[in-house]
Structures are given as structure tokens and as C-alpha cells.
Amino acid sequence: MPHIAITMYPGRSDEIKKDLALKIQTLVTEELKVDKKVVSVSVEDVAKEDWEEHMKKFPDEIIYAARDV
């Protein structure tokens, strides 16, 4: 509790992904006032041509920020 899943187009290094994950983890721990040990973050690359199909598995009611950016 909680797990944050980040999905993005490929092209960023593991170092950039790890830095992003750590920043997100810090933000979530501060906002939810929970221990860092209980917050996990994953980063998944999805090819641009597979993006639309991949995003279909997330129903609109669980998307809290814009889908189309």
C-alpha cells in the first residue's frame, strides 16, 4: 500500500526511471503520511504503437489525470 505504476514510451535510461520513481515515492509518502517502506513504484515502457491498446485496461473511473496529453 500503495503501489504507483508509471507507464511511458521507451527511450529513457534506467537511471532516469529510478530517479523519477524515487521522487514519486517521496511525494506519495509525504502526501499520504505513510512510511517509505510501504510505497512501491514501477516504471513500464510501452511502445507508441501499443499505447492505445495498453491503456484500454485502465477504466476511465480510475484515471485521475488527463489521458490525452
PDB file of N, CA and C in Angstrom:
ATOM      1  N   MET A   1       0.848  -1.182   0.000  1.00  0.00           N
ATOM      2  CA  MET A   1       0.000   0.000   0.000  1.00  0.00           C
ATOM      3  C   MET A   1       0.869   1.211   0.000  1.00  0.00           C
ATOM      4  N   PRO A   2       0.777   2.110  -0.852  1.00  0.00           N
ATOM      5  CA  PRO A   2       0.236   1.980  -2.196  1.00  0.00           C
ATOM      6  C   PRO A   2       1.326   1.601  -3.206  1.00  0.00           C
ATOM      7  N   HIS A   3       0.864   1.193  -4.380  1.00  0.00           N
ATOM      8  CA  HIS A   3       1.787   0.948  -5.495  1.00  0.00           C
ATOM      9  C   HIS A   3       1.442   1.938  -6.594  1.00  0.00           C
ATOM     10  N   ILE A   4       2.455   2.621  -7.098  1.00  0.00           N
ATOM     11  CA  ILE A   4       2.275   3.582  -8.186  1.00  0.00           C
ATOM     12  C   ILE A   4       2.875   2.970  -9.447  1.00  0.00           C
ATOM     13  N   ALA A   5       2.080   2.850 -10.489  1.00  0.00           N
ATOM     14  CA  ALA A   5       2.543   2.280 -11.755  1.00  0.00           C
ATOM     15  C   ALA A   5       2.656   3.397 -12.783  1.00  0.00           C
ATOM     16  N   ILE A   6       3.855   3.581 -13.302  1.00  0.00           N
ATOM     17  CA  ILE A   6       4.107   4.600 -14.317  1.00  0.00           C
ATOM     18  C   ILE A   6       4.313   3.882 -15.645  1.00  0.00           C
ATOM     19  N   THR A   7       3.580   4.301 -16.655  1.00  0.00           N
ATOM     20  CA  THR A   7       3.704   3.745 -17.993  1.00  0.00           C
ATOM     21  C   THR A   7       4.124   4.878 -18.920  1.00  0.00           C
ATOM     22  N   MET A   8       5.142   4.621 -19.735  1.00  0.00           N
ATOM     23  CA  MET A   8       5.635   5.666 -20.638  1.00  0.00           C
ATOM     24  C   MET A   8       6.235   5.058 -21.891  1.00  0.00           C
ATOM     25  N   TYR A   9       6.414   5.916 -22.877  1.00  0.00           N
ATOM     26  CA  TYR A   9       7.091   5.474 -24.096  1.00  0.00           C
ATOM     27  C   TYR A   9       8.533   5.124 -23.772  1.00  0.00           C
ATOM     28  N   PRO A  10       9.113   4.162 -24.483  1.00  0.00           N
ATOM     29  CA  PRO A  10      10.510   3.803 -24.285  1.00  0.00           C
ATOM     30  C   PRO A  10      11.449   4.963 -24.642  1.00  0.00           C
ATOM     31  N   GLY A  11      12.677   4.872 -24.149  1.00  0.00           N
ATOM     32  CA  GLY A  11      13.683   5.841 -24.548  1.00  0.00           C
ATOM     33  C   GLY A  11      14.419   6.502 -23.394  1.00  0.00           C
ATOM     34  N   ARG A  12      13.986   6.259 -22.181  1.00  0.00           N
ATOM     35  CA  ARG A  12      14.662   6.860 -21.032  1.00  0.00           C
ATOM     36  C   ARG A  12      15.542   5.812 -20.355  1.00  0.00           C
ATOM     37  N   SER A  13      16.645   6.254 -19.816  1.00  0.00           N
ATOM     38  CA  SER A  13      17.586   5.345 -19.170  1.00  0.00           C
ATOM     39  C   SER A  13      17.023   4.824 -17.851  1.00  0.00           C
ATOM     40  N   ASP A  14      17.613   3.722 -17.384  1.00  0.00           N
ATOM     41  CA  ASP A  14      17.223   3.178 -16.082  1.00  0.00           C
ATOM     42  C   ASP A  14      17.498   4.194 -14.979  1.00  0.00           C
ATOM     43  N   GLU A  15      18.549   4.968 -15.118  1.00  0.00           N
ATOM     44  CA  GLU A  15      18.885   5.987 -14.120  1.00  0.00           C
ATOM     45  C   GLU A  15      17.778   7.039 -14.022  1.00  0.00           C
ATOM     46  N   ILE A  16      17.279   7.492 -15.156  1.00  0.00           N
ATOM     47  CA  ILE A  16      16.193   8.488 -15.173  1.00  0.00           C
ATOM     48  C   ILE A  16      14.926   7.884 -14.566  1.00  0.00           C
ATOM     49  N   LYS A  17      14.620   6.638 -14.911  1.00  0.00           N
ATOM     50  CA  LYS A  17      13.428   5.975 -14.374  1.00  0.00           C
ATOM     51  C   LYS A  17      13.530   5.814 -12.858  1.00  0.00           C
ATOM     52  N   LYS A  18      14.697   5.412 -12.381  1.00  0.00           N
ATOM     53  CA  LYS A  18      14.882   5.236 -10.945  1.00  0.00           C
ATOM     54  C   LYS A  18      14.736   6.567 -10.217  1.00  0.00           C
ATOM     55  N   ASP A  19      15.313   7.622 -10.771  1.00  0.00           N
ATOM     56  CA  ASP A  19      15.207   8.952 -10.162  1.00  0.00           C
ATOM     57  C   ASP A  19      13.740   9.396 -10.097  1.00  0.00           C
ATOM     58  N   LEU A  20      13.006   9.184 -11.167  1.00  0.00           N
ATOM     59  CA  LEU A  20      11.585   9.520 -11.195  1.00  0.00           C
ATOM     60  C   LEU A  20      10.832   8.721 -10.136  1.00  0.00           C
ATOM     61  N   ALA A  21      11.097   7.408 -10.067  1.00  0.00           N
ATOM     62  CA  ALA A  21      10.413   6.550  -9.100  1.00  0.00           C
ATOM     63  C   ALA A  21      10.683   7.006  -7.664  1.00  0.00           C
ATOM     64  N   LEU A  22      11.915   7.357  -7.372  1.00  0.00           N
ATOM     65  CA  LEU A  22      12.253   7.814  -6.021  1.00  0.00           C
ATOM     66  C   LEU A  22      11.565   9.133  -5.688  1.00  0.00           C
ATOM     67  N   LYS A  23      11.475  10.035  -6.657  1.00  0.00           N
ATOM     68  CA  LYS A  23      10.782  11.311  -6.435  1.00  0.00           C
ATOM     69  C   LYS A  23       9.292  11.082  -6.198  1.00  0.00           C
ATOM     70  N   ILE A  24       8.697  10.200  -6.984  1.00  0.00           N
ATOM     71  CA  ILE A  24       7.277   9.884  -6.811  1.00  0.00           C
ATOM     72  C   ILE A  24       7.060   9.228  -5.448  1.00  0.00           C
ATOM     73  N   GLN A  25       7.935   8.312  -5.063  1.00  0.00           N
ATOM     74  CA  GLN A  25       7.830   7.650  -3.767  1.00  0.00           C
ATOM     75  C   GLN A  25       7.871   8.681  -2.640  1.00  0.00           C
ATOM     76  N   THR A  26       8.791   9.622  -2.712  1.00  0.00           N
ATOM     77  CA  THR A  26       8.899  10.667  -1.686  1.00  0.00           C
ATOM     78  C   THR A  26       7.632  11.502  -1.630  1.00  0.00           C
ATOM     79  N   LEU A  27       7.128  11.921  -2.776  1.00  0.00           N
ATOM     80  CA  LEU A  27       5.907  12.716  -2.821  1.00  0.00           C
ATOM     81  C   LEU A  27       4.731  11.968  -2.189  1.00  0.00           C
ATOM     82  N   VAL A  28       4.578  10.704  -2.553  1.00  0.00           N
ATOM     83  CA  VAL A  28       3.454   9.915  -2.036  1.00  0.00           C
ATOM     84  C   VAL A  28       3.573   9.729  -0.527  1.00  0.00           C
ATOM     85  N   THR A  29       4.762   9.455  -0.034  1.00  0.00           N
ATOM     86  CA  THR A  29       4.918   9.284   1.419  1.00  0.00           C
ATOM     87  C   THR A  29       4.574  10.565   2.164  1.00  0.00           C
ATOM     88  N   GLU A  30       4.948  11.696   1.602  1.00  0.00           N
ATOM     89  CA  GLU A  30       4.636  12.976   2.243  1.00  0.00           C
ATOM     90  C   GLU A  30       3.145  13.281   2.186  1.00  0.00           C
ATOM     91  N   GLU A  31       2.537  13.061   1.040  1.00  0.00           N
ATOM     92  CA  GLU A  31       1.113  13.368   0.871  1.00  0.00           C
ATOM     93  C   GLU A  31       0.219  12.452   1.697  1.00  0.00           C
ATOM     94  N   LEU A  32       0.547  11.161   1.737  1.00  0.00           N
ATOM     95  CA  LEU A  32      -0.297  10.192   2.444  1.00  0.00           C
ATOM     96  C   LEU A  32       0.143   9.947   3.879  1.00  0.00           C
ATOM     97  N   LYS A  33       1.271  10.540   4.229  1.00  0.00           N
ATOM     98  CA  LYS A  33       1.814  10.396   5.583  1.00  0.00           C
ATOM     99  C   LYS A  33       1.980   8.917   5.959  1.00  0.00           C
ATOM    100  N   VAL A  34       2.679   8.198   5.088  1.00  0.00           N
ATOM    101  CA  VAL A  34       2.976   6.789   5.317  1.00  0.00           C
ATOM    102  C   VAL A  34       4.484   6.578   5.241  1.00  0.00           C
ATOM    103  N   ASP A  35       4.924   5.449   5.739  1.00  0.00           N
ATOM    104  CA  ASP A  35       6.341   5.110   5.706  1.00  0.00           C
ATOM    105  C   ASP A  35       6.775   4.783   4.278  1.00  0.00           C
ATOM    106  N   LYS A  36       7.977   5.201   3.930  1.00  0.00           N
ATOM    107  CA  LYS A  36       8.523   4.964   2.602  1.00  0.00           C
ATOM    108  C   LYS A  36       8.563   3.475   2.254  1.00  0.00           C
ATOM    109  N   LYS A  37       8.703   2.631   3.267  1.00  0.00           N
ATOM    110  CA  LYS A  37       8.795   1.182   3.060  1.00  0.00           C
ATOM    111  C   LYS A  37       7.534   0.595   2.435  1.00  0.00           C
ATOM    112  N   VAL A  38       6.403   1.259   2.582  1.00  0.00           N
ATOM    113  CA  VAL A  38       5.152   0.700   2.072  1.00  0.00           C
ATOM    114  C   VAL A  38       4.760   1.244   0.701  1.00  0.00           C
ATOM    115  N   VAL A  39       5.582   2.123   0.142  1.00  0.00           N
ATOM    116  CA  VAL A  39       5.271   2.724  -1.162  1.00  0.00           C
ATOM    117  C   VAL A  39       6.211   2.134  -2.212  1.00  0.00           C
ATOM    118  N   SER A  40       5.626   1.478  -3.208  1.00  0.00           N
ATOM    119  CA  SER A  40       6.428   0.949  -4.313  1.00  0.00           C
ATOM    120  C   SER A  40       6.044   1.669  -5.597  1.00  0.00           C
ATOM    121  N   VAL A  41       7.002   1.733  -6.510  1.00  0.00           N
ATOM    122  CA  VAL A  41       6.795   2.413  -7.788  1.00  0.00           C
ATOM    123  C   VAL A  41       7.385   1.544  -8.890  1.00  0.00           C
ATOM    124  N   SER A  42       6.615   1.304  -9.935  1.00  0.00           N
ATOM    125  CA  SER A  42       7.133   0.579 -11.095  1.00  0.00           C
ATOM    126  C   SER A  42       7.086   1.498 -12.312  1.00  0.00           C
ATOM    127  N   VAL A  43       7.994   1.243 -13.246  1.00  0.00           N
ATOM    128  CA  VAL A  43       8.032   2.006 -14.492  1.00  0.00           C
ATOM    129  C   VAL A  43       8.041   0.994 -15.631  1.00  0.00           C
ATOM    130  N   GLU A  44       7.060   1.107 -16.510  1.00  0.00           N
ATOM    131  CA  GLU A  44       6.923   0.178 -17.630  1.00  0.00           C
ATOM    132  C   GLU A  44       6.968   0.949 -18.941  1.00  0.00           C
ATOM    133  N   ASP A  45       7.810   0.477 -19.857  1.00  0.00           N
ATOM    134  CA  ASP A  45       7.864   1.059 -21.198  1.00  0.00           C
ATOM    135  C   ASP A  45       6.838   0.369 -22.084  1.00  0.00           C
ATOM    136  N   VAL A  46       6.084   1.161 -22.816  1.00  0.00           N
ATOM    137  CA  VAL A  46       5.116   0.635 -23.777  1.00  0.00           C
ATOM    138  C   VAL A  46       5.348   1.363 -25.096  1.00  0.00           C
ATOM    139  N   ALA A  47       5.543   0.611 -26.143  1.00  0.00           N
ATOM    140  CA  ALA A  47       5.792   1.200 -27.467  1.00  0.00           C
ATOM    141  C   ALA A  47       4.616   2.075 -27.883  1.00  0.00           C
ATOM    142  N   LYS A  48       4.933   3.147 -28.597  1.00  0.00           N
ATOM    143  CA  LYS A  48       3.911   4.102 -29.029  1.00  0.00           C
ATOM    144  C   LYS A  48       2.779   3.410 -29.786  1.00  0.00           C
ATOM    145  N   GLU A  49       3.139   2.454 -30.626  1.00  0.00           N
ATOM    146  CA  GLU A  49       2.113   1.774 -31.422  1.00  0.00           C
ATOM    147  C   GLU A  49       1.230   0.845 -30.577  1.00  0.00           C
ATOM    148  N   ASP A  50       1.661   0.515 -29.376  1.00  0.00           N
ATOM    149  CA  ASP A  50       0.876  -0.339 -28.472  1.00  0.00           C
ATOM    150  C   ASP A  50       0.156   0.453 -27.382  1.00  0.00           C
ATOM    151  N   TRP A  51       0.377   1.756 -27.357  1.00  0.00           N
ATOM    152  CA  TRP A  51      -0.114   2.593 -26.263  1.00  0.00           C
ATOM    153  C   TRP A  51      -1.632   2.525 -26.088  1.00  0.00           C
ATOM    154  N   GLU A  52      -2.355   2.747 -27.169  1.00  0.00           N
ATOM    155  CA  GLU A  52      -3.817   2.791 -27.080  1.00  0.00           C
ATOM    156  C   GLU A  52      -4.376   1.481 -26.542  1.00  0.00           C
ATOM    157  N   GLU A  53      -3.885   0.363 -27.037  1.00  0.00           N
ATOM    158  CA  GLU A  53      -4.355  -0.948 -26.570  1.00  0.00           C
ATOM    159  C   GLU A  53      -3.990  -1.160 -25.096  1.00  0.00           C
ATOM    160  N   HIS A  54      -2.792  -0.776 -24.721  1.00  0.00           N
ATOM    161  CA  HIS A  54      -2.342  -0.916 -23.330  1.00  0.00           C
ATOM    162  C   HIS A  54      -3.233  -0.120 -22.375  1.00  0.00           C
ATOM    163  N   MET A  55      -3.584   1.092 -22.761  1.00  0.00           N
ATOM    164  CA  MET A  55      -4.366   1.964 -21.893  1.00  0.00           C
ATOM    165  C   MET A  55      -5.816   1.514 -21.739  1.00  0.00           C
ATOM    166  N   LYS A  56      -6.291   0.665 -22.630  1.00  0.00           N
ATOM    167  CA  LYS A  56      -7.666   0.163 -22.524  1.00  0.00           C
ATOM    168  C   LYS A  56      -7.888  -0.647 -21.254  1.00  0.00           C
ATOM    169  N   LYS A  57      -6.817  -1.184 -20.662  1.00  0.00           N
ATOM    170  CA  LYS A  57      -7.001  -1.994 -19.457  1.00  0.00           C
ATOM    171  C   LYS A  57      -7.261  -1.146 -18.214  1.00  0.00           C
ATOM    172  N   PHE A  58      -7.139   0.164 -18.344  1.00  0.00           N
ATOM    173  CA  PHE A  58      -7.397   1.077 -17.234  1.00  0.00           C
ATOM    174  C   PHE A  58      -8.742   1.766 -17.454  1.00  0.00           C
ATOM    175  N   PRO A  59      -9.764   1.405 -16.696  1.00  0.00           N
ATOM    176  CA  PRO A  59     -11.072   2.039 -16.891  1.00  0.00           C
ATOM    177  C   PRO A  59     -11.014   3.536 -16.567  1.00  0.00           C
ATOM    178  N   ASP A  60     -11.851   4.293 -17.231  1.00  0.00           N
ATOM    179  CA  ASP A  60     -11.880   5.748 -17.045  1.00  0.00           C
ATOM    180  C   ASP A  60     -12.032   6.156 -15.585  1.00  0.00           C
ATOM    181  N   GLU A  61     -12.784   5.386 -14.813  1.00  0.00           N
ATOM    182  CA  GLU A  61     -13.036   5.794 -13.429  1.00  0.00           C
ATOM    183  C   GLU A  61     -11.820   5.693 -12.518  1.00  0.00           C
ATOM    184  N   ILE A  62     -10.724   5.078 -12.968  1.00  0.00           N
ATOM    185  CA  ILE A  62      -9.520   5.065 -12.138  1.00  0.00           C
ATOM    186  C   ILE A  62      -8.431   6.003 -12.654  1.00  0.00           C
ATOM    187  N   ILE A  63      -8.704   6.705 -13.734  1.00  0.00           N
ATOM    188  CA  ILE A  63      -7.749   7.678 -14.279  1.00  0.00           C
ATOM    189  C   ILE A  63      -8.115   9.044 -13.679  1.00  0.00           C
ATOM    190  N   TYR A  64      -7.213   9.591 -12.878  1.00  0.00           N
ATOM    191  CA  TYR A  64      -7.485  10.845 -12.189  1.00  0.00           C
ATOM    192  C   TYR A  64      -6.746  12.038 -12.803  1.00  0.00           C
ATOM    193  N   ALA A  65      -6.008  11.805 -13.833  1.00  0.00           N
ATOM    194  CA  ALA A  65      -5.338  12.892 -14.555  1.00  0.00           C
ATOM    195  C   ALA A  65      -5.550  12.609 -16.037  1.00  0.00           C
ATOM    196  N   ALA A  66      -5.372  13.619 -16.847  1.00  0.00           N
ATOM    197  CA  ALA A  66      -5.693  13.530 -18.273  1.00  0.00           C
ATOM    198  C   ALA A  66      -5.064  12.319 -18.949  1.00  0.00           C
ATOM    199  N   ARG A  67      -5.851  11.653 -19.740  1.00  0.00           N
ATOM    200  CA  ARG A  67      -5.398  10.516 -20.549  1.00  0.00           C
ATOM    201  C   ARG A  67      -4.684  11.009 -21.799  1.00  0.00           C
ATOM    202  N   ASP A  68      -5.198  12.058 -22.388  1.00  0.00           N
ATOM    203  CA  ASP A  68      -4.642  12.596 -23.638  1.00  0.00           C
ATOM    204  C   ASP A  68      -3.837  13.843 -23.350  1.00  0.00           C
ATOM    205  N   VAL A  69      -2.549  13.716 -23.419  1.00  0.00           N
ATOM    206  CA  VAL A  69      -1.674  14.856 -23.156  1.00  0.00           C
ATOM    207  C   VAL A  69      -0.902  15.167 -24.401  1.00  0.00           C
TER     208      VAL A  69
END
